[in-house]
Every structure is written in structure tokens, then in C-alpha cells.
N, C-alpha and C. Protein backbone atom coordinates (compact mmCIF):
# COMPACT_ATOMS: atom_id res chain seq x y z
N MET A 1 -1.96 10.40 -8.06
CA MET A 1 -2.75 9.68 -7.13
C MET A 1 -2.45 10.45 -5.54
N LYS A 2 -3.20 11.23 -4.88
CA LYS A 2 -3.26 11.14 -3.32
C LYS A 2 -2.81 10.51 -2.73
N GLU A 3 -1.63 10.37 -1.51
CA GLU A 3 -1.41 9.78 -0.58
C GLU A 3 -2.50 9.69 0.49
N ILE A 4 -2.58 8.10 0.79
CA ILE A 4 -3.60 7.96 1.96
C ILE A 4 -2.76 7.81 3.53
N ILE A 5 -3.57 8.65 4.61
CA ILE A 5 -2.95 8.37 5.72
C ILE A 5 -4.49 8.01 6.47
N TYR A 6 -3.91 6.91 7.18
CA TYR A 6 -4.90 6.35 8.19
C TYR A 6 -4.96 7.03 9.44
N LEU A 7 -5.79 7.70 9.94
CA LEU A 7 -5.66 8.33 11.07
C LEU A 7 -6.54 7.63 12.26
N HIS A 8 -7.09 6.66 12.26
CA HIS A 8 -8.04 6.24 13.29
C HIS A 8 -7.60 4.59 12.98
N THR A 9 -6.89 3.79 13.43
CA THR A 9 -6.38 2.70 13.54
C THR A 9 -6.44 2.10 14.91
N ASN A 10 -7.42 1.09 15.24
CA ASN A 10 -7.50 0.18 16.37
C ASN A 10 -6.89 -0.85 16.09
N THR A 11 -6.21 -1.95 17.43
CA THR A 11 -5.68 -2.62 17.12
C THR A 11 -6.14 -3.63 18.06
N GLU A 12 -5.63 -5.24 18.06
CA GLU A 12 -6.29 -5.94 19.26
C GLU A 12 -6.14 -5.28 20.57
N TYR A 13 -5.53 -4.38 20.46
CA TYR A 13 -5.41 -3.64 22.10
C TYR A 13 -6.43 -2.61 22.59
N SER A 14 -7.54 -2.51 21.81
CA SER A 14 -8.50 -1.84 21.71
C SER A 14 -9.75 -2.89 22.09
N PHE A 15 -10.02 -3.38 23.34
CA PHE A 15 -10.82 -4.31 23.14
C PHE A 15 -12.53 -4.13 22.82
N LEU A 16 -12.87 -5.12 22.06
CA LEU A 16 -14.16 -5.13 21.70
C LEU A 16 -14.20 -4.27 20.51
N GLN A 17 -13.24 -3.55 19.72
CA GLN A 17 -13.19 -2.66 18.86
C GLN A 17 -12.68 -3.22 17.84
N SER A 18 -11.68 -3.83 17.60
CA SER A 18 -10.87 -4.50 16.58
C SER A 18 -10.31 -5.96 17.26
N THR A 19 -10.01 -6.48 15.87
CA THR A 19 -9.48 -7.74 16.52
C THR A 19 -7.75 -8.00 15.34
N ILE A 20 -7.30 -7.12 14.83
CA ILE A 20 -6.09 -7.09 14.26
C ILE A 20 -5.03 -7.01 14.82
N ARG A 21 -3.82 -8.03 14.92
CA ARG A 21 -2.89 -8.02 15.46
C ARG A 21 -1.85 -7.13 15.17
N LEU A 22 -0.77 -6.38 16.16
CA LEU A 22 0.07 -5.20 14.88
C LEU A 22 1.12 -5.88 14.27
N GLU A 23 1.61 -7.26 14.25
CA GLU A 23 2.55 -7.88 13.31
C GLU A 23 1.29 -8.25 11.56
N ARG A 24 0.23 -8.34 11.92
CA ARG A 24 -0.73 -8.44 10.46
C ARG A 24 -0.61 -7.16 9.99
N LEU A 25 -1.24 -6.05 11.17
CA LEU A 25 -0.99 -4.64 10.30
C LEU A 25 -0.42 -4.13 9.68
N PHE A 26 1.28 -4.47 10.37
CA PHE A 26 2.16 -3.56 9.89
C PHE A 26 2.45 -4.56 8.40
N LYS A 27 2.19 -5.60 8.60
CA LYS A 27 2.57 -6.61 7.25
C LYS A 27 1.56 -6.34 6.20
N LEU A 28 0.28 -5.71 6.59
CA LEU A 28 -0.75 -4.93 5.08
C LEU A 28 0.02 -3.68 5.10
N ALA A 29 0.10 -2.89 5.94
CA ALA A 29 0.54 -1.73 5.58
C ALA A 29 1.98 -1.88 4.82
N LYS A 30 3.01 -2.50 4.80
CA LYS A 30 4.17 -2.48 4.16
C LYS A 30 3.77 -3.46 2.71
N GLU A 31 2.63 -4.06 3.00
CA GLU A 31 2.29 -4.70 1.54
C GLU A 31 1.60 -3.54 0.90
N GLN A 32 1.03 -2.40 0.98
CA GLN A 32 0.15 -1.55 0.34
C GLN A 32 1.22 -0.01 0.38
N ASN A 33 2.46 -0.29 0.91
CA ASN A 33 3.49 0.90 0.54
C ASN A 33 3.01 2.01 0.96
N LEU A 34 2.14 2.11 2.47
CA LEU A 34 1.85 3.35 3.29
C LEU A 34 3.18 3.62 3.89
N LYS A 35 3.29 4.88 4.10
CA LYS A 35 4.79 5.71 4.50
C LYS A 35 3.99 5.63 5.96
N TYR A 36 3.25 6.16 6.36
CA TYR A 36 2.48 6.34 7.92
C TYR A 36 0.90 5.41 8.18
N LEU A 37 1.27 5.16 9.67
CA LEU A 37 -0.15 4.78 9.90
C LEU A 37 -0.03 4.78 11.24
N THR A 38 -0.92 5.53 12.03
CA THR A 38 -1.43 5.97 13.47
C THR A 38 -2.32 4.71 14.47
N LEU A 39 -2.09 4.77 15.30
CA LEU A 39 -2.26 3.50 16.16
C LEU A 39 -2.77 4.27 17.43
N THR A 40 -4.52 4.36 16.98
CA THR A 40 -5.41 4.82 18.06
C THR A 40 -6.01 4.03 19.01
N ASP A 41 -5.32 3.01 19.60
CA ASP A 41 -5.89 1.98 20.51
C ASP A 41 -6.31 2.97 22.07
N VAL A 42 -7.27 2.60 22.30
CA VAL A 42 -8.32 2.95 23.86
C VAL A 42 -8.23 2.55 24.77
N GLU A 43 -8.14 3.15 25.84
CA GLU A 43 -8.77 2.49 27.60
C GLU A 43 -7.50 1.62 27.74
N ASN A 44 -6.24 1.84 27.49
CA ASN A 44 -5.19 0.57 28.07
C ASN A 44 -4.23 1.30 27.70
N PHE A 45 -3.00 0.62 27.96
CA PHE A 45 -1.39 0.91 27.98
C PHE A 45 -1.21 -0.76 27.62
N HIS A 46 -1.66 -1.62 27.08
CA HIS A 46 -1.01 -2.85 26.76
C HIS A 46 0.07 -2.98 25.92
N ALA A 47 -0.21 -2.25 25.03
CA ALA A 47 0.88 -2.11 23.55
C ALA A 47 1.96 -1.29 24.03
N LEU A 48 1.93 -0.35 25.25
CA LEU A 48 3.08 0.51 25.04
C LEU A 48 4.35 -0.20 25.35
N GLN A 49 4.43 -1.14 26.17
CA GLN A 49 5.87 -2.08 26.06
C GLN A 49 6.25 -2.67 24.66
N PHE A 50 5.57 -2.47 23.99
CA PHE A 50 6.72 -2.32 22.27
C PHE A 50 7.03 -1.30 21.86
N PHE A 51 6.49 0.08 22.13
CA PHE A 51 6.84 1.41 21.49
C PHE A 51 7.66 1.98 22.68
N TRP A 52 8.09 1.69 23.80
CA TRP A 52 8.23 2.36 24.95
C TRP A 52 10.05 2.50 24.97
């Protein structure tokens, strides 16, 4: 089976585009054994504090 890499994932920090919280997203990614996951939140820097 080919590996899936999601290249466009918005979280709760992309207002009006998604409601998933980072903790839930990471839990789901781990449950599905995803090696890679990109975050493509737009028009804000609110999540920057978690990764900087």
C-alpha cells in the first residue's frame, strides 16, 4: 500500500475553515500511524507559540 501524506490540513486556528483541535488531530494521526502531517492554517499566527 502506498503511504498517504496529507498536504493541506487546517486546525481550529483557521477560523471558519476547521474546528479540529491540535491535540485531537495529533491523536488521530498517531492512531492511523501517519508518519507525516502538514499544518496549513491561514491568516493568523495564533498557533505559532506552540511550534516556535
